[in-house]
Amino acid sequence: MAARLLGLCTRRLLAEAVTRGRLAVPVRRESSSARAVIAPSTVVGKRAPEPTMHWQEDPDPEDENLYEKNPDSHGYDKDPVMDVWNMRVVFFFGFSIVLVFGSTFVAYLPDYRMHEWARREAERLVKYREANGLPIMESNCFDPSKIQLPDED
């Protein structure tokens, strides 16, 4: 209760000081959480100096419009000749090299995970077995006569 009353009085005194333009009495406030004391300047009427900022002026106050000098500007350079040259270089490498050669490279990549090779190999084995009268599929993956087993000792 007393802290609330003290806070109300402090606010009234600060509001009065602000309307007059200076602090009438030195005011001291206490924070309820950290018990820190906050006190304004003890010198009545003396204000802190306002910070001064020095702005660096732009040497050329007007922005340069590149389209007045070169209406066909592509935005790469101020010089029209270099601007056209840079535009052509960017489009050459962007379209010719990246798109054309890149898509050709992707199109001629080797068989991913060898799916196409596996199908061709299976078709070749089926044709071989049919031509020689062998069954297409066998129950044994390996020839049992070629497997050497250890003795049963």
N, C-alpha and C. Protein backbone atom coordinates (compact mmCIF):
# COMPACT_ATOMS: atom_id res chain seq x y z
N MET A 1 0.83 -1.19 0.00
CA MET A 1 0.00 0.00 0.00
C MET A 1 0.87 1.25 0.00
N ALA A 2 1.88 1.24 0.83
CA ALA A 2 2.75 2.41 0.92
C ALA A 2 3.57 2.57 -0.35
N ALA A 3 3.98 1.45 -0.94
CA ALA A 3 4.75 1.53 -2.18
C ALA A 3 3.90 2.09 -3.31
N ARG A 4 2.62 1.72 -3.35
CA ARG A 4 1.73 2.23 -4.38
C ARG A 4 1.52 3.74 -4.21
N LEU A 5 1.35 4.19 -2.96
CA LEU A 5 1.16 5.61 -2.70
C LEU A 5 2.42 6.40 -3.05
N LEU A 6 3.59 5.83 -2.72
CA LEU A 6 4.85 6.49 -3.05
C LEU A 6 5.02 6.59 -4.56
N GLY A 7 4.67 5.52 -5.28
CA GLY A 7 4.76 5.54 -6.74
C GLY A 7 3.84 6.58 -7.34
N LEU A 8 2.62 6.73 -6.78
CA LEU A 8 1.67 7.72 -7.28
C LEU A 8 2.19 9.14 -7.07
N CYS A 9 2.75 9.39 -5.90
CA CYS A 9 3.32 10.72 -5.62
C CYS A 9 4.51 11.00 -6.54
N THR A 10 5.32 10.01 -6.77
CA THR A 10 6.48 10.19 -7.63
C THR A 10 6.04 10.54 -9.04
N ARG A 11 5.02 9.85 -9.53
CA ARG A 11 4.53 10.15 -10.88
C ARG A 11 3.98 11.57 -10.97
N ARG A 12 3.27 12.02 -9.93
CA ARG A 12 2.73 13.39 -9.94
C ARG A 12 3.85 14.42 -9.95
N LEU A 13 4.87 14.18 -9.13
CA LEU A 13 5.98 15.12 -9.08
C LEU A 13 6.72 15.17 -10.42
N LEU A 14 6.93 14.03 -11.04
CA LEU A 14 7.61 14.01 -12.33
C LEU A 14 6.76 14.68 -13.41
N ALA A 15 5.46 14.47 -13.37
CA ALA A 15 4.59 15.12 -14.35
C ALA A 15 4.62 16.63 -14.17
N GLU A 16 4.64 17.10 -12.94
CA GLU A 16 4.73 18.54 -12.67
C GLU A 16 6.06 19.10 -13.17
N ALA A 17 7.13 18.35 -12.96
CA ALA A 17 8.44 18.81 -13.39
C ALA A 17 8.53 18.87 -14.91
N VAL A 18 7.91 17.94 -15.56
CA VAL A 18 7.94 17.94 -17.02
C VAL A 18 7.15 19.11 -17.57
N THR A 19 6.01 19.42 -16.99
CA THR A 19 5.21 20.55 -17.50
C THR A 19 5.92 21.87 -17.26
N ARG A 20 6.66 22.01 -16.19
CA ARG A 20 7.39 23.25 -15.94
C ARG A 20 8.69 23.31 -16.73
N GLY A 21 9.19 22.19 -17.17
CA GLY A 21 10.42 22.18 -17.95
C GLY A 21 11.65 21.88 -17.13
N ARG A 22 11.53 21.77 -15.82
CA ARG A 22 12.67 21.43 -14.99
C ARG A 22 12.18 20.71 -13.75
N LEU A 23 13.09 20.07 -13.10
CA LEU A 23 12.73 19.35 -11.89
C LEU A 23 12.65 20.31 -10.71
N ALA A 24 11.55 20.27 -9.98
CA ALA A 24 11.36 21.16 -8.84
C ALA A 24 12.14 20.66 -7.63
N VAL A 25 12.06 19.37 -7.39
CA VAL A 25 12.78 18.77 -6.28
C VAL A 25 13.47 17.52 -6.80
N PRO A 26 14.60 17.20 -6.23
CA PRO A 26 15.20 15.95 -6.65
C PRO A 26 14.31 14.78 -6.22
N VAL A 27 14.01 13.92 -7.17
CA VAL A 27 13.11 12.80 -6.91
C VAL A 27 13.93 11.53 -6.87
N ARG A 28 13.54 10.67 -5.96
CA ARG A 28 14.24 9.41 -5.80
C ARG A 28 13.22 8.29 -5.83
N ARG A 29 13.44 7.30 -6.71
CA ARG A 29 12.49 6.19 -6.82
C ARG A 29 13.20 4.89 -6.50
N GLU A 30 12.46 3.97 -5.96
CA GLU A 30 12.99 2.65 -5.68
C GLU A 30 12.28 1.63 -6.54
N SER A 31 13.04 0.72 -7.08
CA SER A 31 12.47 -0.36 -7.86
C SER A 31 12.05 -1.46 -6.90
N SER A 32 10.89 -2.03 -7.08
CA SER A 32 10.40 -3.04 -6.15
C SER A 32 11.08 -4.39 -6.36
N SER A 33 11.56 -4.68 -7.57
CA SER A 33 12.12 -6.00 -7.83
C SER A 33 13.57 -6.12 -7.37
N ALA A 34 14.41 -5.20 -7.74
CA ALA A 34 15.84 -5.34 -7.45
C ALA A 34 16.29 -4.42 -6.33
N ARG A 35 15.40 -3.63 -5.81
CA ARG A 35 15.73 -2.66 -4.76
C ARG A 35 16.84 -1.72 -5.20
N ALA A 36 16.83 -1.36 -6.45
CA ALA A 36 17.82 -0.42 -6.96
C ALA A 36 17.27 0.99 -6.82
N VAL A 37 18.10 1.93 -6.49
CA VAL A 37 17.69 3.32 -6.32
C VAL A 37 17.97 4.07 -7.60
N ILE A 38 16.96 4.74 -8.12
CA ILE A 38 17.11 5.51 -9.34
C ILE A 38 16.92 6.97 -8.96
N ALA A 39 17.94 7.78 -9.13
CA ALA A 39 17.86 9.19 -8.77
C ALA A 39 18.28 10.04 -9.95
N PRO A 40 17.51 11.08 -10.27
CA PRO A 40 17.93 11.98 -11.34
C PRO A 40 19.06 12.88 -10.86
N SER A 41 19.48 13.74 -11.74
CA SER A 41 20.59 14.64 -11.42
C SER A 41 20.24 15.49 -10.22
N THR A 42 21.19 15.67 -9.32
CA THR A 42 20.93 16.43 -8.10
C THR A 42 20.99 17.92 -8.33
N VAL A 43 21.54 18.34 -9.45
CA VAL A 43 21.62 19.76 -9.75
C VAL A 43 20.30 20.17 -10.40
N VAL A 44 19.56 21.06 -9.75
CA VAL A 44 18.26 21.49 -10.26
C VAL A 44 18.49 22.48 -11.39
N GLY A 45 17.78 22.28 -12.48
CA GLY A 45 17.85 23.20 -13.60
C GLY A 45 18.95 22.87 -14.60
N LYS A 46 19.86 22.01 -14.28
CA LYS A 46 20.92 21.66 -15.20
C LYS A 46 20.51 20.42 -15.98
N ARG A 47 20.47 20.56 -17.26
CA ARG A 47 20.07 19.45 -18.12
C ARG A 47 21.31 18.82 -18.75
N ALA A 48 21.15 17.57 -19.09
CA ALA A 48 22.24 16.89 -19.78
C ALA A 48 22.36 17.46 -21.18
N PRO A 49 23.56 17.62 -21.67
CA PRO A 49 23.71 18.17 -23.03
C PRO A 49 23.13 17.20 -24.06
N GLU A 50 22.46 17.81 -25.02
CA GLU A 50 21.87 16.99 -26.08
C GLU A 50 22.98 16.45 -26.97
N PRO A 51 22.85 15.20 -27.38
CA PRO A 51 23.90 14.64 -28.24
C PRO A 51 23.89 15.32 -29.60
N THR A 52 25.07 15.62 -30.06
CA THR A 52 25.18 16.25 -31.37
C THR A 52 25.60 15.21 -32.39
N MET A 53 24.95 15.23 -33.52
CA MET A 53 25.27 14.28 -34.58
C MET A 53 25.73 15.06 -35.79
N HIS A 54 26.83 14.65 -36.33
CA HIS A 54 27.34 15.28 -37.54
C HIS A 54 27.06 14.35 -38.71
N TRP A 55 26.25 14.80 -39.62
CA TRP A 55 25.91 14.00 -40.78
C TRP A 55 26.91 14.25 -41.88
N GLN A 56 27.33 13.20 -42.51
CA GLN A 56 28.24 13.35 -43.63
C GLN A 56 27.40 13.60 -44.88
N GLU A 57 27.64 14.73 -45.47
CA GLU A 57 26.86 15.11 -46.65
C GLU A 57 27.33 14.34 -47.87
N ASP A 58 26.39 14.02 -48.72
CA ASP A 58 26.70 13.35 -49.97
C ASP A 58 27.37 14.37 -50.89
N PRO A 59 28.54 14.05 -51.46
CA PRO A 59 29.20 15.04 -52.32
C PRO A 59 28.38 15.36 -53.57
N ASP A 60 27.60 14.41 -54.05
CA ASP A 60 26.75 14.65 -55.21
C ASP A 60 25.30 14.58 -54.72
N PRO A 61 24.67 15.73 -54.47
CA PRO A 61 23.36 15.70 -53.83
C PRO A 61 22.27 15.04 -54.70
N GLU A 62 22.37 15.15 -55.99
CA GLU A 62 21.35 14.55 -56.84
C GLU A 62 21.78 13.13 -57.23
N ASP A 63 20.84 12.21 -57.17
CA ASP A 63 21.14 10.85 -57.63
C ASP A 63 21.27 10.86 -59.13
N GLU A 64 22.25 10.11 -59.59
CA GLU A 64 22.52 10.06 -61.02
C GLU A 64 21.57 9.07 -61.68
N ASN A 65 20.85 9.50 -62.66
CA ASN A 65 19.92 8.64 -63.38
C ASN A 65 20.65 8.09 -64.60
N LEU A 66 20.90 6.78 -64.57
CA LEU A 66 21.64 6.16 -65.68
C LEU A 66 20.82 6.10 -66.95
N TYR A 67 19.51 6.11 -66.83
CA TYR A 67 18.66 5.99 -68.02
C TYR A 67 18.62 7.28 -68.84
N GLU A 68 18.97 8.42 -68.23
CA GLU A 68 19.05 9.66 -69.01
C GLU A 68 20.28 9.62 -69.92
N LYS A 69 21.39 9.10 -69.41
CA LYS A 69 22.61 9.02 -70.22
C LYS A 69 22.53 7.87 -71.22
N ASN A 70 21.99 6.73 -70.77
CA ASN A 70 21.92 5.54 -71.62
C ASN A 70 20.52 4.92 -71.46
N PRO A 71 19.59 5.24 -72.35
CA PRO A 71 18.23 4.71 -72.20
C PRO A 71 18.15 3.20 -72.40
N ASP A 72 19.15 2.60 -73.03
CA ASP A 72 19.16 1.16 -73.23
C ASP A 72 20.00 0.44 -72.17
N SER A 73 20.10 1.02 -70.98
CA SER A 73 20.95 0.45 -69.93
C SER A 73 20.36 -0.87 -69.44
N HIS A 74 21.27 -1.81 -69.19
CA HIS A 74 20.87 -3.11 -68.65
C HIS A 74 21.20 -3.22 -67.17
N GLY A 75 21.83 -2.21 -66.61
CA GLY A 75 22.11 -2.17 -65.18
C GLY A 75 23.39 -2.82 -64.75
N TYR A 76 24.29 -3.12 -65.66
CA TYR A 76 25.55 -3.76 -65.29
C TYR A 76 26.68 -2.76 -65.07
N ASP A 77 26.67 -1.64 -65.80
CA ASP A 77 27.75 -0.66 -65.69
C ASP A 77 27.24 0.70 -66.15
N LYS A 78 27.97 1.76 -65.74
CA LYS A 78 27.59 3.11 -66.16
C LYS A 78 27.96 3.36 -67.61
N ASP A 79 29.07 2.78 -68.03
CA ASP A 79 29.52 2.95 -69.40
C ASP A 79 28.64 2.11 -70.34
N PRO A 80 28.06 2.72 -71.39
CA PRO A 80 27.16 1.96 -72.27
C PRO A 80 27.84 0.78 -72.97
N VAL A 81 29.11 0.94 -73.37
CA VAL A 81 29.80 -0.14 -74.06
C VAL A 81 30.03 -1.31 -73.11
N MET A 82 30.51 -1.01 -71.90
CA MET A 82 30.73 -2.06 -70.91
C MET A 82 29.42 -2.69 -70.46
N ASP A 83 28.35 -1.89 -70.41
CA ASP A 83 27.05 -2.41 -70.01
C ASP A 83 26.57 -3.47 -71.00
N VAL A 84 26.67 -3.18 -72.30
CA VAL A 84 26.25 -4.14 -73.32
C VAL A 84 27.17 -5.36 -73.30
N TRP A 85 28.46 -5.15 -73.13
CA TRP A 85 29.41 -6.26 -73.09
C TRP A 85 29.11 -7.19 -71.91
N ASN A 86 28.90 -6.60 -70.72
CA ASN A 86 28.59 -7.41 -69.54
C ASN A 86 27.27 -8.15 -69.70
N MET A 87 26.28 -7.51 -70.31
CA MET A 87 24.99 -8.17 -70.54
C MET A 87 25.17 -9.38 -71.46
N ARG A 88 25.95 -9.22 -72.52
CA ARG A 88 26.16 -10.32 -73.45
C ARG A 88 26.93 -11.47 -72.81
N VAL A 89 27.92 -11.14 -72.00
CA VAL A 89 28.69 -12.18 -71.31
C VAL A 89 27.79 -12.95 -70.34
N VAL A 90 26.97 -12.23 -69.58
CA VAL A 90 26.09 -12.89 -68.61
C VAL A 90 25.10 -13.79 -69.32
N PHE A 91 24.49 -13.33 -70.39
CA PHE A 91 23.51 -14.15 -71.09
C PHE A 91 24.18 -15.31 -71.83
N PHE A 92 25.39 -15.11 -72.34
CA PHE A 92 26.08 -16.22 -73.00
C PHE A 92 26.35 -17.34 -72.01
N PHE A 93 26.97 -16.98 -70.86
CA PHE A 93 27.27 -18.02 -69.89
C PHE A 93 26.01 -18.56 -69.24
N GLY A 94 25.02 -17.71 -69.04
CA GLY A 94 23.80 -18.16 -68.38
C GLY A 94 22.98 -19.11 -69.23
N PHE A 95 22.86 -18.83 -70.52
CA PHE A 95 22.02 -19.66 -71.36
C PHE A 95 22.83 -20.71 -72.11
N SER A 96 23.86 -20.29 -72.82
CA SER A 96 24.60 -21.24 -73.65
C SER A 96 25.31 -22.29 -72.81
N ILE A 97 26.06 -21.83 -71.86
CA ILE A 97 26.89 -22.77 -71.10
C ILE A 97 26.04 -23.55 -70.09
N VAL A 98 25.32 -22.86 -69.25
CA VAL A 98 24.62 -23.53 -68.16
C VAL A 98 23.43 -24.34 -68.67
N LEU A 99 22.55 -23.73 -69.44
CA LEU A 99 21.34 -24.44 -69.86
C LEU A 99 21.61 -25.49 -70.93
N VAL A 100 22.33 -25.12 -71.97
CA VAL A 100 22.53 -26.06 -73.08
C VAL A 100 23.48 -27.18 -72.67
N PHE A 101 24.67 -26.82 -72.20
CA PHE A 101 25.63 -27.86 -71.83
C PHE A 101 25.18 -28.61 -70.58
N GLY A 102 24.53 -27.92 -69.67
CA GLY A 102 24.04 -28.58 -68.45
C GLY A 102 22.98 -29.62 -68.76
N SER A 103 22.01 -29.28 -69.61
CA SER A 103 20.98 -30.26 -69.96
C SER A 103 21.56 -31.40 -70.79
N THR A 104 22.54 -31.11 -71.65
CA THR A 104 23.20 -32.19 -72.40
C THR A 104 23.95 -33.12 -71.46
N PHE A 105 24.61 -32.57 -70.48
CA PHE A 105 25.33 -33.39 -69.51
C PHE A 105 24.37 -34.29 -68.74
N VAL A 106 23.25 -33.74 -68.29
CA VAL A 106 22.28 -34.54 -67.54
C VAL A 106 21.66 -35.61 -68.43
N ALA A 107 21.42 -35.29 -69.70
CA ALA A 107 20.81 -36.27 -70.61
C ALA A 107 21.75 -37.44 -70.88
N TYR A 108 23.05 -37.21 -70.91
CA TYR A 108 24.00 -38.27 -71.23
C TYR A 108 24.69 -38.84 -69.99
N LEU A 109 24.11 -38.66 -68.83
CA LEU A 109 24.68 -39.28 -67.63
C LEU A 109 24.57 -40.80 -67.75
N PRO A 110 25.47 -41.54 -67.14
CA PRO A 110 25.37 -43.00 -67.21
C PRO A 110 24.11 -43.49 -66.50
N ASP A 111 23.79 -44.76 -66.73
CA ASP A 111 22.59 -45.38 -66.18
C ASP A 111 22.62 -45.32 -64.65
N TYR A 112 21.63 -44.65 -64.09
CA TYR A 112 21.58 -44.49 -62.64
C TYR A 112 21.22 -45.82 -61.99
N ARG A 113 22.03 -46.30 -61.09
CA ARG A 113 21.88 -47.55 -60.36
C ARG A 113 21.75 -48.76 -61.29
N MET A 114 22.13 -48.61 -62.55
CA MET A 114 22.24 -49.68 -63.54
C MET A 114 20.92 -50.42 -63.78
N HIS A 115 19.80 -49.69 -63.78
CA HIS A 115 18.50 -50.31 -64.04
C HIS A 115 18.40 -50.80 -65.49
N GLU A 116 18.81 -49.96 -66.42
CA GLU A 116 18.72 -50.34 -67.84
C GLU A 116 19.66 -51.52 -68.14
N TRP A 117 20.84 -51.54 -67.57
CA TRP A 117 21.77 -52.65 -67.79
C TRP A 117 21.19 -53.96 -67.26
N ALA A 118 20.55 -53.91 -66.08
CA ALA A 118 19.99 -55.13 -65.50
C ALA A 118 18.88 -55.69 -66.39
N ARG A 119 18.05 -54.82 -66.95
CA ARG A 119 16.99 -55.30 -67.85
C ARG A 119 17.59 -55.93 -69.12
N ARG A 120 18.58 -55.27 -69.72
CA ARG A 120 19.21 -55.82 -70.92
C ARG A 120 19.87 -57.17 -70.64
N GLU A 121 20.52 -57.29 -69.49
CA GLU A 121 21.18 -58.55 -69.12
C GLU A 121 20.16 -59.66 -68.92
N ALA A 122 19.02 -59.33 -68.28
CA ALA A 122 17.97 -60.34 -68.08
C ALA A 122 17.39 -60.80 -69.41
N GLU A 123 17.14 -59.87 -70.33
CA GLU A 123 16.61 -60.25 -71.65
C GLU A 123 17.61 -61.12 -72.41
N ARG A 124 18.90 -60.81 -72.30
CA ARG A 124 19.92 -61.61 -72.97
C ARG A 124 19.97 -63.03 -72.42
N LEU A 125 19.87 -63.17 -71.08
CA LEU A 125 19.88 -64.50 -70.47
C LEU A 125 18.63 -65.30 -70.84
N VAL A 126 17.48 -64.66 -70.93
CA VAL A 126 16.24 -65.36 -71.30
C VAL A 126 16.37 -65.88 -72.72
N LYS A 127 16.88 -65.06 -73.64
CA LYS A 127 17.06 -65.51 -75.03
C LYS A 127 18.05 -66.67 -75.11
N TYR A 128 19.13 -66.62 -74.35
CA TYR A 128 20.14 -67.69 -74.35
C TYR A 128 19.54 -69.00 -73.85
N ARG A 129 18.79 -68.93 -72.73
CA ARG A 129 18.21 -70.15 -72.14
C ARG A 129 17.14 -70.75 -73.06
N GLU A 130 16.33 -69.89 -73.68
CA GLU A 130 15.31 -70.40 -74.60
C GLU A 130 15.96 -71.06 -75.82
N ALA A 131 17.02 -70.48 -76.32
CA ALA A 131 17.70 -71.03 -77.50
C ALA A 131 18.37 -72.36 -77.18
N ASN A 132 18.85 -72.57 -75.96
CA ASN A 132 19.54 -73.81 -75.59
C ASN A 132 18.61 -74.82 -74.91
N GLY A 133 17.33 -74.49 -74.75
CA GLY A 133 16.37 -75.43 -74.15
C GLY A 133 16.50 -75.54 -72.65
N LEU A 134 17.07 -74.60 -72.00
CA LEU A 134 17.20 -74.60 -70.54
C LEU A 134 15.97 -73.92 -69.93
N PRO A 135 15.65 -74.25 -68.68
CA PRO A 135 14.56 -73.52 -68.03
C PRO A 135 14.96 -72.05 -67.82
N ILE A 136 13.95 -71.18 -67.86
CA ILE A 136 14.25 -69.74 -67.72
C ILE A 136 14.78 -69.45 -66.31
N MET A 137 14.14 -70.05 -65.29
CA MET A 137 14.57 -69.84 -63.90
C MET A 137 14.94 -71.18 -63.29
N GLU A 138 15.97 -71.20 -62.47
CA GLU A 138 16.37 -72.41 -61.77
C GLU A 138 16.17 -72.19 -60.27
N SER A 139 15.98 -73.29 -59.56
CA SER A 139 15.84 -73.18 -58.11
C SER A 139 17.18 -72.89 -57.44
N ASN A 140 18.27 -73.30 -58.07
CA ASN A 140 19.60 -73.05 -57.52
C ASN A 140 20.21 -71.82 -58.20
N CYS A 141 20.65 -70.93 -57.38
CA CYS A 141 21.32 -69.74 -57.95
C CYS A 141 22.70 -70.11 -58.48
N PHE A 142 23.35 -71.10 -57.85
CA PHE A 142 24.68 -71.54 -58.26
C PHE A 142 24.61 -73.00 -58.68
N ASP A 143 25.54 -73.41 -59.49
CA ASP A 143 25.63 -74.81 -59.92
C ASP A 143 26.08 -75.66 -58.74
N PRO A 144 25.24 -76.62 -58.29
CA PRO A 144 25.61 -77.40 -57.10
C PRO A 144 26.86 -78.26 -57.32
N SER A 145 27.19 -78.62 -58.55
CA SER A 145 28.38 -79.44 -58.78
C SER A 145 29.67 -78.65 -58.56
N LYS A 146 29.59 -77.37 -58.63
CA LYS A 146 30.78 -76.54 -58.46
C LYS A 146 31.01 -76.10 -57.02
N ILE A 147 30.05 -76.36 -56.14
CA ILE A 147 30.19 -75.94 -54.74
C ILE A 147 30.94 -77.03 -53.99
N GLN A 148 31.98 -76.71 -53.28
CA GLN A 148 32.78 -77.66 -52.50
C GLN A 148 32.38 -77.50 -51.02
N LEU A 149 31.81 -78.53 -50.48
CA LEU A 149 31.40 -78.52 -49.07
C LEU A 149 32.46 -79.19 -48.22
N PRO A 150 32.62 -78.84 -46.95
CA PRO A 150 33.59 -79.50 -46.08
C PRO A 150 33.09 -80.91 -45.71
N ASP A 151 34.02 -81.75 -45.25
CA ASP A 151 33.65 -83.10 -44.83
C ASP A 151 32.75 -83.05 -43.60
N GLU A 152 31.99 -84.14 -43.38
CA GLU A 152 31.04 -84.16 -42.28
C GLU A 152 31.65 -84.65 -40.98
N ASP A 153 32.90 -84.56 -40.73
CA ASP A 153 33.56 -85.06 -39.51
C ASP A 153 33.04 -84.44 -38.30
